[in-house]
PDB file of N, CA and C in Angstrom:
ATOM      1  N   MET A   1      69.616  51.695  63.090  1.00  0.00           N
ATOM      2  CA  MET A   1      70.545  51.801  64.204  1.00  0.00           C
ATOM      3  C   MET A   1      71.950  51.995  63.639  1.00  0.00           C
ATOM      4  N   ILE A   2      72.727  52.834  64.310  1.00  0.00           N
ATOM      5  CA  ILE A   2      74.108  53.104  63.934  1.00  0.00           C
ATOM      6  C   ILE A   2      74.997  52.599  65.068  1.00  0.00           C
ATOM      7  N   TYR A   3      76.131  51.990  64.708  1.00  0.00           N
ATOM      8  CA  TYR A   3      76.943  51.290  65.705  1.00  0.00           C
ATOM      9  C   TYR A   3      78.331  51.879  65.901  1.00  0.00           C
ATOM     10  N   GLU A   4      78.798  51.843  67.157  1.00  0.00           N
ATOM     11  CA  GLU A   4      80.224  51.993  67.418  1.00  0.00           C
ATOM     12  C   GLU A   4      80.811  50.623  67.111  1.00  0.00           C
ATOM     13  N   GLN A   5      81.849  50.603  66.277  1.00  0.00           N
ATOM     14  CA  GLN A   5      82.395  49.317  65.846  1.00  0.00           C
ATOM     15  C   GLN A   5      83.811  49.482  65.337  1.00  0.00           C
ATOM     16  N   GLY A   6      84.481  48.343  65.177  1.00  0.00           N
ATOM     17  CA  GLY A   6      85.795  48.329  64.563  1.00  0.00           C
ATOM     18  C   GLY A   6      86.925  48.063  65.530  1.00  0.00           C
ATOM     19  N   GLY A   7      88.133  48.321  65.045  1.00  0.00           N
ATOM     20  CA  GLY A   7      89.351  48.093  65.810  1.00  0.00           C
ATOM     21  C   GLY A   7      90.498  47.800  64.867  1.00  0.00           C
ATOM     22  N   ALA A   8      91.615  47.395  65.443  1.00  0.00           N
ATOM     23  CA  ALA A   8      92.834  47.194  64.653  1.00  0.00           C
ATOM     24  C   ALA A   8      93.212  45.727  64.543  1.00  0.00           C
ATOM     25  N   GLY A   9      93.872  45.429  63.454  1.00  0.00           N
ATOM     26  CA  GLY A   9      94.564  44.162  63.291  1.00  0.00           C
ATOM     27  C   GLY A   9      96.021  44.391  63.652  1.00  0.00           C
ATOM     28  N   ARG A  10      96.902  43.671  63.023  1.00  0.00           N
ATOM     29  CA  ARG A  10      98.320  43.769  63.366  1.00  0.00           C
ATOM     30  C   ARG A  10      98.922  45.153  63.100  1.00  0.00           C
ATOM     31  N   ASN A  11      98.629  45.744  61.931  1.00  0.00           N
ATOM     32  CA  ASN A  11      99.247  47.035  61.623  1.00  0.00           C
ATOM     33  C   ASN A  11      98.336  48.010  60.874  1.00  0.00           C
ATOM     34  N   SER A  12      97.033  47.809  60.981  1.00  0.00           N
ATOM     35  CA  SER A  12      96.071  48.747  60.403  1.00  0.00           C
ATOM     36  C   SER A  12      94.720  48.532  61.073  1.00  0.00           C
ATOM     37  N   GLY A  13      93.854  49.525  60.934  1.00  0.00           N
ATOM     38  CA  GLY A  13      92.531  49.387  61.518  1.00  0.00           C
ATOM     39  C   GLY A  13      91.584  50.472  61.058  1.00  0.00           C
ATOM     40  N   THR A  14      90.305  50.196  61.245  1.00  0.00           N
ATOM     41  CA  THR A  14      89.249  51.172  60.995  1.00  0.00           C
ATOM     42  C   THR A  14      88.270  51.090  62.154  1.00  0.00           C
ATOM     43  N   ALA A  15      87.660  52.211  62.455  1.00  0.00           N
ATOM     44  CA  ALA A  15      86.702  52.236  63.552  1.00  0.00           C
ATOM     45  C   ALA A  15      85.735  53.389  63.359  1.00  0.00           C
ATOM     46  N   GLN A  16      84.583  53.268  63.995  1.00  0.00           N
ATOM     47  CA  GLN A  16      83.673  54.397  64.038  1.00  0.00           C
ATOM     48  C   GLN A  16      83.072  54.496  65.428  1.00  0.00           C
ATOM     49  N   VAL A  17      82.939  55.737  65.869  1.00  0.00           N
ATOM     50  CA  VAL A  17      82.260  56.043  67.120  1.00  0.00           C
ATOM     51  C   VAL A  17      81.120  56.995  66.790  1.00  0.00           C
ATOM     52  N   ILE A  18      80.170  57.091  67.704  1.00  0.00           N
ATOM     53  CA  ILE A  18      78.986  57.904  67.493  1.00  0.00           C
ATOM     54  C   ILE A  18      78.921  58.967  68.580  1.00  0.00           C
ATOM     55  N   CYS A  19      78.566  60.186  68.195  1.00  0.00           N
ATOM     56  CA  CYS A  19      78.414  61.238  69.190  1.00  0.00           C
ATOM     57  C   CYS A  19      77.186  62.088  68.870  1.00  0.00           C
ATOM     58  N   GLY A  20      76.853  62.952  69.813  1.00  0.00           N
ATOM     59  CA  GLY A  20      75.761  63.888  69.623  1.00  0.00           C
ATOM     60  C   GLY A  20      76.207  65.072  68.784  1.00  0.00           C
ATOM     61  N   PRO A  21      75.284  65.996  68.479  1.00  0.00           N
ATOM     62  CA  PRO A  21      75.586  67.112  67.585  1.00  0.00           C
ATOM     63  C   PRO A  21      76.649  68.072  68.112  1.00  0.00           C
ATOM     64  N   ASN A  22      76.909  68.061  69.404  1.00  0.00           N
ATOM     65  CA  ASN A  22      77.944  68.918  69.982  1.00  0.00           C
ATOM     66  C   ASN A  22      79.188  68.125  70.368  1.00  0.00           C
ATOM     67  N   GLY A  23      79.322  66.905  69.818  1.00  0.00           N
ATOM     68  CA  GLY A  23      80.486  66.078  70.083  1.00  0.00           C
ATOM     69  C   GLY A  23      80.414  65.283  71.369  1.00  0.00           C
ATOM     70  N   GLU A  24      79.297  65.336  72.058  1.00  0.00           N
ATOM     71  CA  GLU A  24      79.176  64.672  73.351  1.00  0.00           C
ATOM     72  C   GLU A  24      79.006  63.159  73.216  1.00  0.00           C
ATOM     73  N   ALA A  25      79.572  62.429  74.192  1.00  0.00           N
ATOM     74  CA  ALA A  25      79.385  60.979  74.267  1.00  0.00           C
ATOM     75  C   ALA A  25      77.938  60.707  74.648  1.00  0.00           C
ATOM     76  N   LEU A  26      77.389  59.625  74.131  1.00  0.00           N
ATOM     77  CA  LEU A  26      75.992  59.266  74.361  1.00  0.00           C
ATOM     78  C   LEU A  26      75.885  57.902  75.029  1.00  0.00           C
ATOM     79  N   ALA A  27      74.757  57.670  75.661  1.00  0.00           N
ATOM     80  CA  ALA A  27      74.460  56.340  76.203  1.00  0.00           C
ATOM     81  C   ALA A  27      73.876  55.494  75.073  1.00  0.00           C
ATOM     82  N   PRO A  28      74.393  54.293  74.862  1.00  0.00           N
ATOM     83  CA  PRO A  28      73.848  53.454  73.790  1.00  0.00           C
ATOM     84  C   PRO A  28      72.446  52.952  74.126  1.00  0.00           C
ATOM     85  N   VAL A  29      71.650  52.709  73.081  1.00  0.00           N
ATOM     86  CA  VAL A  29      70.329  52.101  73.272  1.00  0.00           C
ATOM     87  C   VAL A  29      70.408  50.586  73.124  1.00  0.00           C
ATOM     88  N   TRP A  30      71.539  50.106  72.615  1.00  0.00           N
ATOM     89  CA  TRP A  30      71.766  48.672  72.474  1.00  0.00           C
ATOM     90  C   TRP A  30      73.225  48.379  72.792  1.00  0.00           C
ATOM     91  N   ALA A  31      73.446  47.307  73.508  1.00  0.00           N
ATOM     92  CA  ALA A  31      74.805  46.829  73.784  1.00  0.00           C
ATOM     93  C   ALA A  31      74.769  45.305  73.790  1.00  0.00           C
ATOM     94  N   PRO A  32      75.726  44.656  73.139  1.00  0.00           N
ATOM     95  CA  PRO A  32      75.734  43.189  73.108  1.00  0.00           C
ATOM     96  C   PRO A  32      76.081  42.611  74.479  1.00  0.00           C
ATOM     97  N   ASN A  33      75.627  41.381  74.705  1.00  0.00           N
ATOM     98  CA  ASN A  33      75.959  40.696  75.954  1.00  0.00           C
ATOM     99  C   ASN A  33      77.445  40.375  76.041  1.00  0.00           C
ATOM    100  N   ARG A  34      78.052  40.055  74.901  1.00  0.00           N
ATOM    101  CA  ARG A  34      79.494  39.779  74.844  1.00  0.00           C
ATOM    102  C   ARG A  34      80.101  40.661  73.772  1.00  0.00           C
ATOM    103  N   LEU A  35      81.303  41.134  74.020  1.00  0.00           N
ATOM    104  CA  LEU A  35      81.999  41.966  73.053  1.00  0.00           C
ATOM    105  C   LEU A  35      83.027  41.123  72.305  1.00  0.00           C
ATOM    106  N   TYR A  36      82.922  41.128  70.989  1.00  0.00           N
ATOM    107  CA  TYR A  36      83.846  40.382  70.151  1.00  0.00           C
ATOM    108  C   TYR A  36      84.782  41.338  69.428  1.00  0.00           C
ATOM    109  N   ALA A  37      85.968  40.853  69.098  1.00  0.00           N
ATOM    110  CA  ALA A  37      86.981  41.689  68.450  1.00  0.00           C
ATOM    111  C   ALA A  37      86.447  42.296  67.161  1.00  0.00           C
ATOM    112  N   GLN A  38      86.627  43.603  67.018  1.00  0.00           N
ATOM    113  CA  GLN A  38      86.312  44.360  65.816  1.00  0.00           C
ATOM    114  C   GLN A  38      84.859  44.210  65.372  1.00  0.00           C
ATOM    115  N   ASP A  39      83.963  44.006  66.301  1.00  0.00           N
ATOM    116  CA  ASP A  39      82.543  43.803  66.004  1.00  0.00           C
ATOM    117  C   ASP A  39      81.762  45.062  66.378  1.00  0.00           C
ATOM    118  N   LYS A  40      80.447  44.957  66.402  1.00  0.00           N
ATOM    119  CA  LYS A  40      79.577  46.044  66.857  1.00  0.00           C
ATOM    120  C   LYS A  40      79.607  46.061  68.380  1.00  0.00           C
ATOM    121  N   HIS A  41      79.956  47.208  68.959  1.00  0.00           N
ATOM    122  CA  HIS A  41      80.139  47.293  70.400  1.00  0.00           C
ATOM    123  C   HIS A  41      79.075  48.113  71.113  1.00  0.00           C
ATOM    124  N   ALA A  42      78.295  48.910  70.389  1.00  0.00           N
ATOM    125  CA  ALA A  42      77.214  49.701  70.975  1.00  0.00           C
ATOM    126  C   ALA A  42      76.349  50.229  69.834  1.00  0.00           C
ATOM    127  N   GLY A  43      75.042  50.356  70.091  1.00  0.00           N
ATOM    128  CA  GLY A  43      74.115  50.850  69.074  1.00  0.00           C
ATOM    129  C   GLY A  43      73.415  52.121  69.526  1.00  0.00           C
ATOM    130  N   PHE A  44      73.176  53.012  68.561  1.00  0.00           N
ATOM    131  CA  PHE A  44      72.569  54.310  68.847  1.00  0.00           C
ATOM    132  C   PHE A  44      71.473  54.597  67.832  1.00  0.00           C
ATOM    133  N   GLU A  45      70.466  55.349  68.265  1.00  0.00           N
ATOM    134  CA  GLU A  45      69.414  55.806  67.368  1.00  0.00           C
ATOM    135  C   GLU A  45      69.188  57.283  67.590  1.00  0.00           C
ATOM    136  N   GLY A  46      68.831  57.982  66.535  1.00  0.00           N
ATOM    137  CA  GLY A  46      68.533  59.404  66.644  1.00  0.00           C
ATOM    138  C   GLY A  46      68.778  60.114  65.329  1.00  0.00           C
ATOM    139  N   ARG A  47      68.216  61.303  65.203  1.00  0.00           N
ATOM    140  CA  ARG A  47      68.318  62.059  63.951  1.00  0.00           C
ATOM    141  C   ARG A  47      69.595  62.865  63.854  1.00  0.00           C
ATOM    142  N   ASP A  48      70.084  63.377  64.961  1.00  0.00           N
ATOM    143  CA  ASP A  48      71.207  64.306  64.935  1.00  0.00           C
ATOM    144  C   ASP A  48      72.545  63.646  65.253  1.00  0.00           C
ATOM    145  N   LEU A  49      72.621  62.337  65.117  1.00  0.00           N
ATOM    146  CA  LEU A  49      73.863  61.643  65.446  1.00  0.00           C
ATOM    147  C   LEU A  49      74.972  61.993  64.464  1.00  0.00           C
ATOM    148  N   ILE A  50      76.185  61.991  64.967  1.00  0.00           N
ATOM    149  CA  ILE A  50      77.350  62.194  64.115  1.00  0.00           C
ATOM    150  C   ILE A  50      78.186  60.919  64.145  1.00  0.00           C
ATOM    151  N   VAL A  51      78.493  60.410  62.964  1.00  0.00           N
ATOM    152  CA  VAL A  51      79.323  59.214  62.808  1.00  0.00           C
ATOM    153  C   VAL A  51      80.749  59.677  62.551  1.00  0.00           C
ATOM    154  N   VAL A  52      81.666  59.268  63.419  1.00  0.00           N
ATOM    155  CA  VAL A  52      83.068  59.654  63.297  1.00  0.00           C
ATOM    156  C   VAL A  52      83.869  58.407  62.954  1.00  0.00           C
ATOM    157  N   ARG A  53      84.452  58.379  61.760  1.00  0.00           N
ATOM    158  CA  ARG A  53      85.216  57.223  61.291  1.00  0.00           C
ATOM    159  C   ARG A  53      86.699  57.553  61.236  1.00  0.00           C
ATOM    160  N   ALA A  54      87.507  56.632  61.710  1.00  0.00           N
ATOM    161  CA  ALA A  54      88.965  56.790  61.648  1.00  0.00           C
ATOM    162  C   ALA A  54      89.564  55.585  60.931  1.00  0.00           C
ATOM    163  N   THR A  55      90.593  55.848  60.153  1.00  0.00           N
ATOM    164  CA  THR A  55      91.353  54.808  59.472  1.00  0.00           C
ATOM    165  C   THR A  55      92.812  54.995  59.840  1.00  0.00           C
ATOM    166  N   TRP A  56      93.468  53.901  60.196  1.00  0.00           N
ATOM    167  CA  TRP A  56      94.867  53.932  60.588  1.00  0.00           C
ATOM    168  C   TRP A  56      95.626  52.875  59.818  1.00  0.00           C
ATOM    169  N   GLY A  57      96.788  53.233  59.325  1.00  0.00           N
ATOM    170  CA  GLY A  57      97.636  52.280  58.624  1.00  0.00           C
ATOM    171  C   GLY A  57      98.889  52.949  58.117  1.00  0.00           C
ATOM    172  N   GLN A  58      99.991  52.228  58.103  1.00  0.00           N
ATOM    173  CA  GLN A  58     101.286  52.712  57.620  1.00  0.00           C
ATOM    174  C   GLN A  58     101.677  54.029  58.297  1.00  0.00           C
ATOM    175  N   GLY A  59     101.362  54.132  59.588  1.00  0.00           N
ATOM    176  CA  GLY A  59     101.739  55.313  60.350  1.00  0.00           C
ATOM    177  C   GLY A  59     100.881  56.540  60.108  1.00  0.00           C
ATOM    178  N   GLU A  60      99.840  56.412  59.329  1.00  0.00           N
ATOM    179  CA  GLU A  60      98.973  57.546  59.017  1.00  0.00           C
ATOM    180  C   GLU A  60      97.569  57.315  59.555  1.00  0.00           C
ATOM    181  N   VAL A  61      96.922  58.414  59.933  1.00  0.00           N
ATOM    182  CA  VAL A  61      95.552  58.369  60.434  1.00  0.00           C
ATOM    183  C   VAL A  61      94.725  59.401  59.680  1.00  0.00           C
ATOM    184  N   THR A  62      93.502  59.031  59.314  1.00  0.00           N
ATOM    185  CA  THR A  62      92.553  59.995  58.765  1.00  0.00           C
ATOM    186  C   THR A  62      91.236  59.851  59.522  1.00  0.00           C
ATOM    187  N   VAL A  63      90.502  60.948  59.613  1.00  0.00           N
ATOM    188  CA  VAL A  63      89.211  60.959  60.308  1.00  0.00           C
ATOM    189  C   VAL A  63      88.210  61.722  59.454  1.00  0.00           C
ATOM    190  N   GLU A  64      86.980  61.210  59.450  1.00  0.00           N
ATOM    191  CA  GLU A  64      85.883  61.890  58.767  1.00  0.00           C
ATOM    192  C   GLU A  64      84.643  61.789  59.647  1.00  0.00           C
ATOM    193  N   ALA A  65      83.982  62.918  59.902  1.00  0.00           N
ATOM    194  CA  ALA A  65      82.754  62.943  60.695  1.00  0.00           C
ATOM    195  C   ALA A  65      81.598  63.374  59.807  1.00  0.00           C
ATOM    196  N   ARG A  66      80.510  62.621  59.886  1.00  0.00           N
ATOM    197  CA  ARG A  66      79.326  62.909  59.071  1.00  0.00           C
ATOM    198  C   ARG A  66      78.111  63.108  59.964  1.00  0.00           C
ATOM    199  N   GLN A  67      77.404  64.210  59.748  1.00  0.00           N
ATOM    200  CA  GLN A  67      76.198  64.481  60.527  1.00  0.00           C
ATOM    201  C   GLN A  67      74.995  63.849  59.854  1.00  0.00           C
ATOM    202  N   GLY A  68      74.151  63.221  60.655  1.00  0.00           N
ATOM    203  CA  GLY A  68      72.936  62.619  60.130  1.00  0.00           C
ATOM    204  C   GLY A  68      73.100  61.175  59.708  1.00  0.00           C
ATOM    205  N   GLY A  69      74.179  60.527  60.093  1.00  0.00           N
ATOM    206  CA  GLY A  69      74.346  59.115  59.784  1.00  0.00           C
ATOM    207  C   GLY A  69      75.518  58.834  58.887  1.00  0.00           C
ATOM    208  N   GLU A  70      75.653  57.580  58.519  1.00  0.00           N
ATOM    209  CA  GLU A  70      76.816  57.102  57.776  1.00  0.00           C
ATOM    210  C   GLU A  70      76.971  57.729  56.399  1.00  0.00           C
ATOM    211  N   ASP A  71      75.865  58.188  55.799  1.00  0.00           N
ATOM    212  CA  ASP A  71      75.926  58.805  54.469  1.00  0.00           C
ATOM    213  C   ASP A  71      75.626  60.296  54.516  1.00  0.00           C
ATOM    214  N   GLY A  72      75.674  60.879  55.705  1.00  0.00           N
ATOM    215  CA  GLY A  72      75.342  62.287  55.873  1.00  0.00           C
ATOM    216  C   GLY A  72      76.429  63.228  55.392  1.00  0.00           C
ATOM    217  N   GLU A  73      76.200  64.503  55.645  1.00  0.00           N
ATOM    218  CA  GLU A  73      77.118  65.562  55.235  1.00  0.00           C
ATOM    219  C   GLU A  73      78.408  65.519  56.068  1.00  0.00           C
ATOM    220  N   VAL A  74      79.548  65.652  55.405  1.00  0.00           N
ATOM    221  CA  VAL A  74      80.830  65.690  56.096  1.00  0.00           C
ATOM    222  C   VAL A  74      80.936  67.038  56.815  1.00  0.00           C
ATOM    223  N   VAL A  75      81.150  66.984  58.152  1.00  0.00           N
ATOM    224  CA  VAL A  75      81.216  68.210  58.948  1.00  0.00           C
ATOM    225  C   VAL A  75      82.581  68.421  59.601  1.00  0.00           C
ATOM    226  N   TYR A  76      83.466  67.433  59.526  1.00  0.00           N
ATOM    227  CA  TYR A  76      84.773  67.554  60.174  1.00  0.00           C
ATOM    228  C   TYR A  76      85.696  66.485  59.625  1.00  0.00           C
ATOM    229  N   THR A  77      86.953  66.850  59.398  1.00  0.00           N
ATOM    230  CA  THR A  77      87.949  65.878  58.941  1.00  0.00           C
ATOM    231  C   THR A  77      89.300  66.173  59.594  1.00  0.00           C
ATOM    232  N   ILE A  78      90.123  65.138  59.647  1.00  0.00           N
ATOM    233  CA  ILE A  78      91.536  65.275  59.956  1.00  0.00           C
ATOM    234  C   ILE A  78      92.252  64.530  58.832  1.00  0.00           C
ATOM    235  N   ASP A  79      93.131  65.235  58.121  1.00  0.00           N
ATOM    236  CA  ASP A  79      93.815  64.589  56.994  1.00  0.00           C
ATOM    237  C   ASP A  79      95.084  63.867  57.454  1.00  0.00           C
ATOM    238  N   ARG A  80      95.772  63.254  56.507  1.00  0.00           N
ATOM    239  CA  ARG A  80      96.966  62.452  56.822  1.00  0.00           C
ATOM    240  C   ARG A  80      98.069  63.255  57.494  1.00  0.00           C
ATOM    241  N   THR A  81      98.074  64.568  57.297  1.00  0.00           N
ATOM    242  CA  THR A  81      99.105  65.405  57.909  1.00  0.00           C
ATOM    243  C   THR A  81      98.717  65.849  59.315  1.00  0.00           C
ATOM    244  N   GLY A  82      97.496  65.504  59.739  1.00  0.00           N
ATOM    245  CA  GLY A  82      97.015  65.900  61.060  1.00  0.00           C
ATOM    246  C   GLY A  82      96.262  67.219  61.055  1.00  0.00           C
ATOM    247  N   ARG A  83      96.061  67.797  59.893  1.00  0.00           N
ATOM    248  CA  ARG A  83      95.364  69.081  59.787  1.00  0.00           C
ATOM    249  C   ARG A  83      93.849  68.879  59.928  1.00  0.00           C
ATOM    250  N   GLU A  84      93.246  69.656  60.822  1.00  0.00           N
ATOM    251  CA  GLU A  84      91.797  69.615  61.046  1.00  0.00           C
ATOM    252  C   GLU A  84      91.098  70.568  60.077  1.00  0.00           C
ATOM    253  N   SER A  85      89.903  70.188  59.628  1.00  0.00           N
ATOM    254  CA  SER A  85      89.131  71.078  58.764  1.00  0.00           C
ATOM    255  C   SER A  85      88.540  72.234  59.569  1.00  0.00           C
ATOM    256  N   VAL A  86      88.306  72.010  60.858  1.00  0.00           N
ATOM    257  CA  VAL A  86      87.786  73.046  61.754  1.00  0.00           C
ATOM    258  C   VAL A  86      88.627  73.008  63.023  1.00  0.00           C
ATOM    259  N   THR A  87      89.431  74.026  63.246  1.00  0.00           N
ATOM    260  CA  THR A  87      90.276  74.083  64.438  1.00  0.00           C
ATOM    261  C   THR A  87      89.409  74.331  65.669  1.00  0.00           C
ATOM    262  N   GLY A  88      89.683  73.594  66.751  1.00  0.00           N
ATOM    263  CA  GLY A  88      88.930  73.758  67.987  1.00  0.00           C
ATOM    264  C   GLY A  88      87.528  73.175  67.935  1.00  0.00           C
ATOM    265  N   SER A  89      87.295  72.242  67.040  1.00  0.00           N
ATOM    266  CA  SER A  89      85.968  71.636  66.892  1.00  0.00           C
ATOM    267  C   SER A  89      85.574  70.846  68.136  1.00  0.00           C
ATOM    268  N   PRO A  90      84.288  70.911  68.524  1.00  0.00           N
ATOM    269  CA  PRO A  90      83.830  70.079  69.637  1.00  0.00           C
ATOM    270  C   PRO A  90      83.838  68.592  69.290  1.00  0.00           C
ATOM    271  N   LEU A  91      84.077  68.264  68.034  1.00  0.00           N
ATOM    272  CA  LEU A  91      84.143  66.857  67.613  1.00  0.00           C
ATOM    273  C   LEU A  91      85.522  66.248  67.838  1.00  0.00           C
ATOM    274  N   ARG A  92      86.495  67.045  68.298  1.00  0.00           N
ATOM    275  CA  ARG A  92      87.863  66.542  68.449  1.00  0.00           C
ATOM    276  C   ARG A  92      87.943  65.373  69.427  1.00  0.00           C
ATOM    277  N   ALA A  93      87.208  65.435  70.545  1.00  0.00           N
ATOM    278  CA  ALA A  93      87.252  64.334  71.525  1.00  0.00           C
ATOM    279  C   ALA A  93      86.731  63.039  70.903  1.00  0.00           C
ATOM    280  N   ALA A  94      85.657  63.131  70.127  1.00  0.00           N
ATOM    281  CA  ALA A  94      85.126  61.943  69.453  1.00  0.00           C
ATOM    282  C   ALA A  94      86.117  61.446  68.403  1.00  0.00           C
ATOM    283  N   ALA A  95      86.774  62.362  67.700  1.00  0.00           N
ATOM    284  CA  ALA A  95      87.782  61.978  66.707  1.00  0.00           C
ATOM    285  C   ALA A  95      88.941  61.255  67.383  1.00  0.00           C
ATOM    286  N   ASP A  96      89.388  61.776  68.515  1.00  0.00           N
ATOM    287  CA  ASP A  96      90.474  61.120  69.249  1.00  0.00           C
ATOM    288  C   ASP A  96      90.075  59.715  69.700  1.00  0.00           C
ATOM    289  N   ALA A  97      88.808  59.560  70.127  1.00  0.00           N
ATOM    290  CA  ALA A  97      88.319  58.236  70.534  1.00  0.00           C
ATOM    291  C   ALA A  97      88.269  57.286  69.338  1.00  0.00           C
ATOM    292  N   ALA A  98      87.869  57.782  68.177  1.00  0.00           N
ATOM    293  CA  ALA A  98      87.824  56.943  66.976  1.00  0.00           C
ATOM    294  C   ALA A  98      89.236  56.512  66.570  1.00  0.00           C
ATOM    295  N   ILE A  99      90.194  57.430  66.680  1.00  0.00           N
ATOM    296  CA  ILE A  99      91.590  57.090  66.365  1.00  0.00           C
ATOM    297  C   ILE A  99      92.096  56.018  67.335  1.00  0.00           C
ATOM    298  N   GLU A 100      91.813  56.216  68.613  1.00  0.00           N
ATOM    299  CA  GLU A 100      92.234  55.238  69.624  1.00  0.00           C
ATOM    300  C   GLU A 100      91.640  53.869  69.346  1.00  0.00           C
ATOM    301  N   LYS A 101      90.350  53.834  68.970  1.00  0.00           N
ATOM    302  CA  LYS A 101      89.683  52.569  68.671  1.00  0.00           C
ATOM    303  C   LYS A 101      90.272  51.931  67.411  1.00  0.00           C
ATOM    304  N   ALA A 102      90.588  52.746  66.395  1.00  0.00           N
ATOM    305  CA  ALA A 102      91.174  52.220  65.158  1.00  0.00           C
ATOM    306  C   ALA A 102      92.554  51.619  65.401  1.00  0.00           C
ATOM    307  N   GLN A 103      93.224  52.039  66.477  1.00  0.00           N
ATOM    308  CA  GLN A 103      94.550  51.517  66.819  1.00  0.00           C
ATOM    309  C   GLN A 103      94.498  50.475  67.933  1.00  0.00           C
ATOM    310  N   CYS A 104      93.319  50.144  68.409  1.00  0.00           N
ATOM    311  CA  CYS A 104      93.133  49.195  69.514  1.00  0.00           C
ATOM    312  C   CYS A 104      93.148  47.764  68.947  1.00  0.00           C
ATOM    313  N   TYR A 105      94.205  47.032  69.232  1.00  0.00           N
ATOM    314  CA  TYR A 105      94.401  45.692  68.672  1.00  0.00           C
ATOM    315  C   TYR A 105      93.289  44.740  69.119  1.00  0.00           C
ATOM    316  N   HIS A 106      92.610  44.160  68.139  1.00  0.00           N
ATOM    317  CA  HIS A 106      91.494  43.236  68.376  1.00  0.00           C
ATOM    318  C   HIS A 106      90.480  43.825  69.366  1.00  0.00           C
ATOM    319  N   CYS A 107      90.115  45.064  69.131  1.00  0.00           N
ATOM    320  CA  CYS A 107      89.267  45.836  70.046  1.00  0.00           C
ATOM    321  C   CYS A 107      87.993  45.085  70.432  1.00  0.00           C
ATOM    322  N   ARG A 108      87.751  45.043  71.727  1.00  0.00           N
ATOM    323  CA  ARG A 108      86.545  44.423  72.290  1.00  0.00           C
ATOM    324  C   ARG A 108      85.863  45.359  73.273  1.00  0.00           C
ATOM    325  N   CYS A 109      86.078  46.667  73.110  1.00  0.00           N
ATOM    326  CA  CYS A 109      85.538  47.599  74.109  1.00  0.00           C
ATOM    327  C   CYS A 109      84.917  48.822  73.448  1.00  0.00           C
ATOM    328  N   ARG A 110      84.157  49.535  74.225  1.00  0.00           N
ATOM    329  CA  ARG A 110      83.562  50.787  73.774  1.00  0.00           C
ATOM    330  C   ARG A 110      84.539  51.913  74.107  1.00  0.00           C
ATOM    331  N   HIS A 111      84.720  52.829  73.175  1.00  0.00           N
ATOM    332  CA  HIS A 111      85.667  53.917  73.380  1.00  0.00           C
ATOM    333  C   HIS A 111      85.019  55.267  73.575  1.00  0.00           C
ATOM    334  N   TYR A 112      83.745  55.434  73.192  1.00  0.00           N
ATOM    335  CA  TYR A 112      83.121  56.757  73.319  1.00  0.00           C
ATOM    336  C   TYR A 112      81.637  56.620  73.639  1.00  0.00           C
ATOM    337  N   THR A 113      81.343  56.197  74.851  1.00  0.00           N
ATOM    338  CA  THR A 113      79.956  56.103  75.316  1.00  0.00           C
ATOM    339  C   THR A 113      79.882  56.613  76.747  1.00  0.00           C
ATOM    340  N   LYS A 114      78.677  56.965  77.163  1.00  0.00           N
ATOM    341  CA  LYS A 114      78.444  57.343  78.568  1.00  0.00           C
ATOM    342  C   LYS A 114      78.378  56.087  79.402  1.00  0.00           C
TER     343      LYS A 114
END
């Protein structure tokens, strides 16, 4: 199982959201009864999932999307300057959600699910 998880502390954060192969939000197959800060907020299963991770700190944000799970092939990035590896990518909405979650102080919510 792969999880949407993470959030921000006082001035930095990391988060990951999960999407389908075309960047679409998915319905989780698992959700906790209570949401805790910076914990696992939704679980997903499937072969074609894309894991989108964002890191925020010192005013900079980076994003990396991997197809096929947490150790899969990198298919999309946003570097510290804001430059996308693929302009107009369908993964941009998921990347924006991951950035929002990485900046969400003591995050206790889902940012990219149906």
